[in-house]
Amino acid sequence: MLEQTRRAGRIATLLATALVATAAQAIDGDAERGRVKANTCLGCHAIPSYSNAYPNYHVPKVGGQNEEYLISALLAYRNGLRAHETMHNNALSLSDQDIADIAAFFSKATR
């Protein structure tokens, strides 16, 4: 029973993320605006082989990542559908346009 509940929760989360991401993809992102807006993101995501001290985890480089994936991930963090307190707090203040712009910038950035 617990496994069925978890599975249903995961499916609901995936569906909600997909719906929100589809709506946000209709907004055209501007990579130049995104470069300015992503300044805070670069503090962690642009450092080669960066790992956070506590809790200890690897911070992924997002340069060159698929734009739709970045939009989906940021929306999921903002909406609490993806669990990571720092990312949730950072994404919480982003508008759909901010997310589209940041995704456009990172998708074109070199790794």
N, C-alpha and C. Protein backbone atom coordinates (compact mmCIF):
# COMPACT_ATOMS: atom_id res chain seq x y z
N MET A 1 0.82 -1.19 0.00
CA MET A 1 0.00 0.00 0.00
C MET A 1 0.86 1.26 0.00
N LEU A 2 1.92 1.27 0.82
CA LEU A 2 2.81 2.43 0.89
C LEU A 2 3.50 2.65 -0.45
N GLU A 3 3.91 1.58 -1.10
CA GLU A 3 4.57 1.69 -2.40
C GLU A 3 3.61 2.26 -3.45
N GLN A 4 2.34 1.87 -3.41
CA GLN A 4 1.34 2.40 -4.35
C GLN A 4 1.14 3.89 -4.12
N THR A 5 1.14 4.31 -2.88
CA THR A 5 0.99 5.72 -2.55
C THR A 5 2.19 6.51 -3.06
N ARG A 6 3.39 5.99 -2.86
CA ARG A 6 4.60 6.66 -3.35
C ARG A 6 4.59 6.75 -4.87
N ARG A 7 4.19 5.66 -5.51
CA ARG A 7 4.16 5.64 -6.97
C ARG A 7 3.15 6.67 -7.48
N ALA A 8 1.98 6.74 -6.88
CA ALA A 8 0.98 7.72 -7.29
C ALA A 8 1.50 9.14 -7.08
N GLY A 9 2.21 9.36 -6.00
CA GLY A 9 2.80 10.68 -5.74
C GLY A 9 3.83 11.05 -6.79
N ARG A 10 4.67 10.09 -7.17
CA ARG A 10 5.68 10.35 -8.20
C ARG A 10 5.02 10.66 -9.54
N ILE A 11 3.99 9.93 -9.88
CA ILE A 11 3.29 10.16 -11.14
C ILE A 11 2.63 11.53 -11.14
N ALA A 12 2.00 11.89 -10.04
CA ALA A 12 1.36 13.21 -9.94
C ALA A 12 2.40 14.32 -10.06
N THR A 13 3.55 14.14 -9.44
CA THR A 13 4.63 15.13 -9.52
C THR A 13 5.12 15.29 -10.95
N LEU A 14 5.32 14.18 -11.63
CA LEU A 14 5.78 14.23 -13.03
C LEU A 14 4.76 14.91 -13.92
N LEU A 15 3.49 14.60 -13.74
CA LEU A 15 2.44 15.23 -14.55
C LEU A 15 2.35 16.73 -14.29
N ALA A 16 2.42 17.12 -13.03
CA ALA A 16 2.35 18.54 -12.69
C ALA A 16 3.54 19.29 -13.27
N THR A 17 4.73 18.70 -13.17
CA THR A 17 5.92 19.32 -13.73
C THR A 17 5.80 19.48 -15.24
N ALA A 18 5.30 18.46 -15.90
CA ALA A 18 5.15 18.50 -17.36
C ALA A 18 4.16 19.59 -17.77
N LEU A 19 3.06 19.71 -17.05
CA LEU A 19 2.07 20.74 -17.37
C LEU A 19 2.62 22.14 -17.18
N VAL A 20 3.31 22.35 -16.08
CA VAL A 20 3.88 23.67 -15.79
C VAL A 20 4.98 23.99 -16.81
N ALA A 21 5.81 23.01 -17.13
CA ALA A 21 6.91 23.23 -18.08
C ALA A 21 6.36 23.55 -19.47
N THR A 22 5.29 22.89 -19.86
CA THR A 22 4.69 23.15 -21.17
C THR A 22 4.20 24.58 -21.26
N ALA A 23 3.59 25.07 -20.21
CA ALA A 23 3.09 26.44 -20.19
C ALA A 23 4.25 27.43 -20.28
N ALA A 24 5.33 27.18 -19.58
CA ALA A 24 6.46 28.10 -19.56
C ALA A 24 7.23 28.08 -20.87
N GLN A 25 7.22 26.97 -21.58
CA GLN A 25 7.96 26.90 -22.83
C GLN A 25 7.36 27.80 -23.89
N ALA A 26 6.13 28.22 -23.72
CA ALA A 26 5.50 29.12 -24.67
C ALA A 26 6.13 30.51 -24.61
N ILE A 27 6.86 30.80 -23.55
CA ILE A 27 7.55 32.08 -23.40
C ILE A 27 8.92 31.97 -24.04
N ASP A 28 9.24 32.91 -24.93
CA ASP A 28 10.55 32.89 -25.56
C ASP A 28 11.58 33.47 -24.60
N GLY A 29 12.64 32.71 -24.37
CA GLY A 29 13.72 33.17 -23.52
C GLY A 29 14.73 33.98 -24.31
N ASP A 30 15.35 34.93 -23.66
CA ASP A 30 16.38 35.77 -24.25
C ASP A 30 17.70 35.49 -23.53
N ALA A 31 18.66 34.93 -24.26
CA ALA A 31 19.92 34.51 -23.65
C ALA A 31 20.70 35.68 -23.05
N GLU A 32 20.63 36.85 -23.66
CA GLU A 32 21.37 38.00 -23.12
C GLU A 32 20.77 38.47 -21.80
N ARG A 33 19.45 38.53 -21.73
CA ARG A 33 18.81 38.85 -20.45
C ARG A 33 19.11 37.76 -19.43
N GLY A 34 19.11 36.52 -19.89
CA GLY A 34 19.41 35.38 -19.02
C GLY A 34 20.81 35.43 -18.45
N ARG A 35 21.77 35.94 -19.25
CA ARG A 35 23.16 36.06 -18.77
C ARG A 35 23.21 36.94 -17.53
N VAL A 36 22.48 38.03 -17.55
CA VAL A 36 22.45 38.94 -16.41
C VAL A 36 21.72 38.30 -15.23
N LYS A 37 20.58 37.68 -15.51
CA LYS A 37 19.78 37.07 -14.45
C LYS A 37 20.45 35.86 -13.82
N ALA A 38 21.34 35.19 -14.57
CA ALA A 38 21.98 33.96 -14.09
C ALA A 38 23.23 34.23 -13.27
N ASN A 39 23.51 35.46 -13.00
CA ASN A 39 24.74 35.80 -12.25
C ASN A 39 24.82 35.04 -10.93
N THR A 40 23.73 34.96 -10.20
CA THR A 40 23.71 34.23 -8.94
C THR A 40 23.94 32.75 -9.16
N CYS A 41 23.36 32.20 -10.21
CA CYS A 41 23.49 30.77 -10.52
C CYS A 41 24.95 30.38 -10.76
N LEU A 42 25.68 31.30 -11.41
CA LEU A 42 27.06 31.01 -11.78
C LEU A 42 27.95 30.81 -10.56
N GLY A 43 27.54 31.35 -9.41
CA GLY A 43 28.32 31.19 -8.19
C GLY A 43 28.55 29.75 -7.81
N CYS A 44 27.64 28.87 -8.18
CA CYS A 44 27.81 27.43 -7.91
C CYS A 44 27.97 26.63 -9.20
N HIS A 45 27.12 26.93 -10.18
CA HIS A 45 27.04 26.07 -11.36
C HIS A 45 28.14 26.31 -12.39
N ALA A 46 28.98 27.30 -12.20
CA ALA A 46 30.06 27.54 -13.16
C ALA A 46 31.43 27.15 -12.61
N ILE A 47 31.46 26.59 -11.43
CA ILE A 47 32.74 26.21 -10.82
C ILE A 47 33.02 24.74 -11.16
N PRO A 48 34.13 24.48 -11.88
CA PRO A 48 34.44 23.08 -12.23
C PRO A 48 34.58 22.19 -11.00
N SER A 49 33.94 21.04 -11.05
CA SER A 49 34.02 20.01 -9.99
C SER A 49 33.61 20.53 -8.62
N TYR A 50 32.69 21.49 -8.57
CA TYR A 50 32.28 22.06 -7.29
C TYR A 50 31.42 21.10 -6.50
N SER A 51 31.73 20.96 -5.23
CA SER A 51 30.91 20.20 -4.30
C SER A 51 30.62 21.08 -3.10
N ASN A 52 29.39 21.07 -2.66
CA ASN A 52 29.01 21.82 -1.49
C ASN A 52 29.60 21.16 -0.24
N ALA A 53 29.91 21.96 0.76
CA ALA A 53 30.55 21.43 1.97
C ALA A 53 29.57 20.66 2.85
N TYR A 54 28.37 21.21 3.09
CA TYR A 54 27.41 20.51 3.93
C TYR A 54 26.00 20.91 3.50
N PRO A 55 25.15 20.00 3.20
CA PRO A 55 25.48 18.58 3.05
C PRO A 55 26.35 18.41 1.82
N ASN A 56 27.14 17.39 1.80
CA ASN A 56 28.11 17.19 0.74
C ASN A 56 27.41 16.64 -0.51
N TYR A 57 27.38 17.41 -1.57
CA TYR A 57 26.81 16.96 -2.83
C TYR A 57 27.51 17.68 -3.97
N HIS A 58 27.53 17.05 -5.11
CA HIS A 58 28.12 17.61 -6.31
C HIS A 58 27.14 18.59 -6.94
N VAL A 59 27.63 19.75 -7.33
CA VAL A 59 26.80 20.74 -8.01
C VAL A 59 27.02 20.58 -9.51
N PRO A 60 25.97 20.26 -10.25
CA PRO A 60 26.16 20.02 -11.69
C PRO A 60 26.42 21.31 -12.47
N LYS A 61 27.26 21.20 -13.49
CA LYS A 61 27.41 22.30 -14.44
C LYS A 61 26.21 22.23 -15.37
N VAL A 62 25.60 23.35 -15.65
CA VAL A 62 24.39 23.34 -16.46
C VAL A 62 24.59 23.97 -17.84
N GLY A 63 25.79 24.48 -18.10
CA GLY A 63 26.07 25.04 -19.42
C GLY A 63 25.94 24.01 -20.50
N GLY A 64 25.20 24.35 -21.57
CA GLY A 64 25.00 23.43 -22.68
C GLY A 64 23.86 22.45 -22.47
N GLN A 65 23.20 22.53 -21.32
CA GLN A 65 22.09 21.62 -21.03
C GLN A 65 20.89 21.99 -21.91
N ASN A 66 20.02 21.04 -22.15
CA ASN A 66 18.83 21.23 -22.94
C ASN A 66 17.93 22.31 -22.31
N GLU A 67 17.49 23.26 -23.14
CA GLU A 67 16.70 24.39 -22.64
C GLU A 67 15.39 23.96 -21.99
N GLU A 68 14.69 23.02 -22.60
CA GLU A 68 13.41 22.56 -22.05
C GLU A 68 13.62 21.87 -20.70
N TYR A 69 14.72 21.12 -20.60
CA TYR A 69 15.03 20.47 -19.32
C TYR A 69 15.28 21.52 -18.23
N LEU A 70 16.04 22.55 -18.57
CA LEU A 70 16.34 23.60 -17.58
C LEU A 70 15.06 24.30 -17.13
N ILE A 71 14.18 24.58 -18.06
CA ILE A 71 12.89 25.20 -17.70
C ILE A 71 12.12 24.28 -16.77
N SER A 72 12.02 23.03 -17.15
CA SER A 72 11.28 22.07 -16.34
C SER A 72 11.86 21.94 -14.93
N ALA A 73 13.18 21.86 -14.85
CA ALA A 73 13.84 21.72 -13.54
C ALA A 73 13.62 22.95 -12.68
N LEU A 74 13.81 24.14 -13.25
CA LEU A 74 13.63 25.37 -12.46
C LEU A 74 12.18 25.53 -12.00
N LEU A 75 11.24 25.19 -12.86
CA LEU A 75 9.82 25.26 -12.45
C LEU A 75 9.53 24.27 -11.34
N ALA A 76 10.09 23.08 -11.44
CA ALA A 76 9.87 22.07 -10.41
C ALA A 76 10.48 22.50 -9.09
N TYR A 77 11.67 23.10 -9.12
CA TYR A 77 12.27 23.63 -7.88
C TYR A 77 11.40 24.75 -7.32
N ARG A 78 10.98 25.68 -8.18
CA ARG A 78 10.18 26.82 -7.73
C ARG A 78 8.87 26.36 -7.09
N ASN A 79 8.25 25.35 -7.68
CA ASN A 79 6.95 24.89 -7.21
C ASN A 79 7.03 23.82 -6.12
N GLY A 80 8.25 23.49 -5.71
CA GLY A 80 8.42 22.51 -4.64
C GLY A 80 8.23 21.08 -5.08
N LEU A 81 8.19 20.83 -6.39
CA LEU A 81 8.02 19.48 -6.90
C LEU A 81 9.34 18.74 -6.98
N ARG A 82 10.41 19.48 -6.89
CA ARG A 82 11.75 18.90 -6.85
C ARG A 82 12.39 19.37 -5.56
N ALA A 83 12.89 18.44 -4.77
CA ALA A 83 13.36 18.76 -3.43
C ALA A 83 14.84 19.16 -3.41
N HIS A 84 15.09 20.41 -3.12
CA HIS A 84 16.42 20.93 -2.85
C HIS A 84 16.21 22.34 -2.30
N GLU A 85 16.46 22.51 -1.03
CA GLU A 85 16.09 23.76 -0.36
C GLU A 85 16.74 24.98 -1.00
N THR A 86 18.02 24.91 -1.30
CA THR A 86 18.71 26.07 -1.89
C THR A 86 18.15 26.40 -3.26
N MET A 87 17.96 25.39 -4.09
CA MET A 87 17.41 25.63 -5.42
C MET A 87 15.97 26.14 -5.33
N HIS A 88 15.19 25.60 -4.42
CA HIS A 88 13.82 26.06 -4.23
C HIS A 88 13.82 27.54 -3.86
N ASN A 89 14.65 27.90 -2.90
CA ASN A 89 14.71 29.30 -2.46
C ASN A 89 15.17 30.24 -3.57
N ASN A 90 16.13 29.79 -4.37
CA ASN A 90 16.60 30.63 -5.48
C ASN A 90 15.54 30.75 -6.57
N ALA A 91 14.87 29.66 -6.89
CA ALA A 91 13.88 29.67 -7.97
C ALA A 91 12.58 30.33 -7.57
N LEU A 92 12.31 30.41 -6.28
CA LEU A 92 11.04 30.95 -5.79
C LEU A 92 10.78 32.37 -6.28
N SER A 93 11.82 33.17 -6.41
CA SER A 93 11.64 34.56 -6.81
C SER A 93 11.65 34.75 -8.33
N LEU A 94 11.86 33.68 -9.08
CA LEU A 94 11.94 33.80 -10.54
C LEU A 94 10.56 33.77 -11.19
N SER A 95 10.34 34.68 -12.12
CA SER A 95 9.11 34.65 -12.91
C SER A 95 9.28 33.61 -14.03
N ASP A 96 8.19 33.31 -14.72
CA ASP A 96 8.29 32.41 -15.87
C ASP A 96 9.25 32.99 -16.91
N GLN A 97 9.21 34.31 -17.10
CA GLN A 97 10.11 34.95 -18.07
C GLN A 97 11.56 34.82 -17.62
N ASP A 98 11.83 35.03 -16.33
CA ASP A 98 13.19 34.86 -15.80
C ASP A 98 13.70 33.45 -16.08
N ILE A 99 12.85 32.47 -15.82
CA ILE A 99 13.24 31.07 -16.02
C ILE A 99 13.54 30.80 -17.50
N ALA A 100 12.69 31.31 -18.39
CA ALA A 100 12.93 31.13 -19.82
C ALA A 100 14.23 31.79 -20.25
N ASP A 101 14.51 32.98 -19.72
CA ASP A 101 15.74 33.70 -20.07
C ASP A 101 16.98 32.96 -19.55
N ILE A 102 16.93 32.52 -18.32
CA ILE A 102 18.07 31.79 -17.72
C ILE A 102 18.30 30.48 -18.47
N ALA A 103 17.24 29.78 -18.82
CA ALA A 103 17.36 28.53 -19.56
C ALA A 103 17.96 28.78 -20.94
N ALA A 104 17.54 29.86 -21.60
CA ALA A 104 18.10 30.21 -22.91
C ALA A 104 19.60 30.49 -22.78
N PHE A 105 19.99 31.21 -21.76
CA PHE A 105 21.41 31.52 -21.55
C PHE A 105 22.22 30.23 -21.32
N PHE A 106 21.81 29.43 -20.35
CA PHE A 106 22.59 28.23 -20.03
C PHE A 106 22.61 27.22 -21.17
N SER A 107 21.53 27.13 -21.93
CA SER A 107 21.51 26.16 -23.03
C SER A 107 22.53 26.52 -24.11
N LYS A 108 22.86 27.80 -24.21
CA LYS A 108 23.83 28.25 -25.20
C LYS A 108 25.25 28.40 -24.64
N ALA A 109 25.37 28.31 -23.31
CA ALA A 109 26.68 28.47 -22.67
C ALA A 109 27.51 27.20 -22.87
N THR A 110 28.80 27.39 -22.99
CA THR A 110 29.67 26.20 -23.13
C THR A 110 29.84 25.55 -21.79
N ARG A 111 30.10 24.28 -21.82
CA ARG A 111 30.22 23.50 -20.59
C ARG A 111 31.43 23.85 -19.84
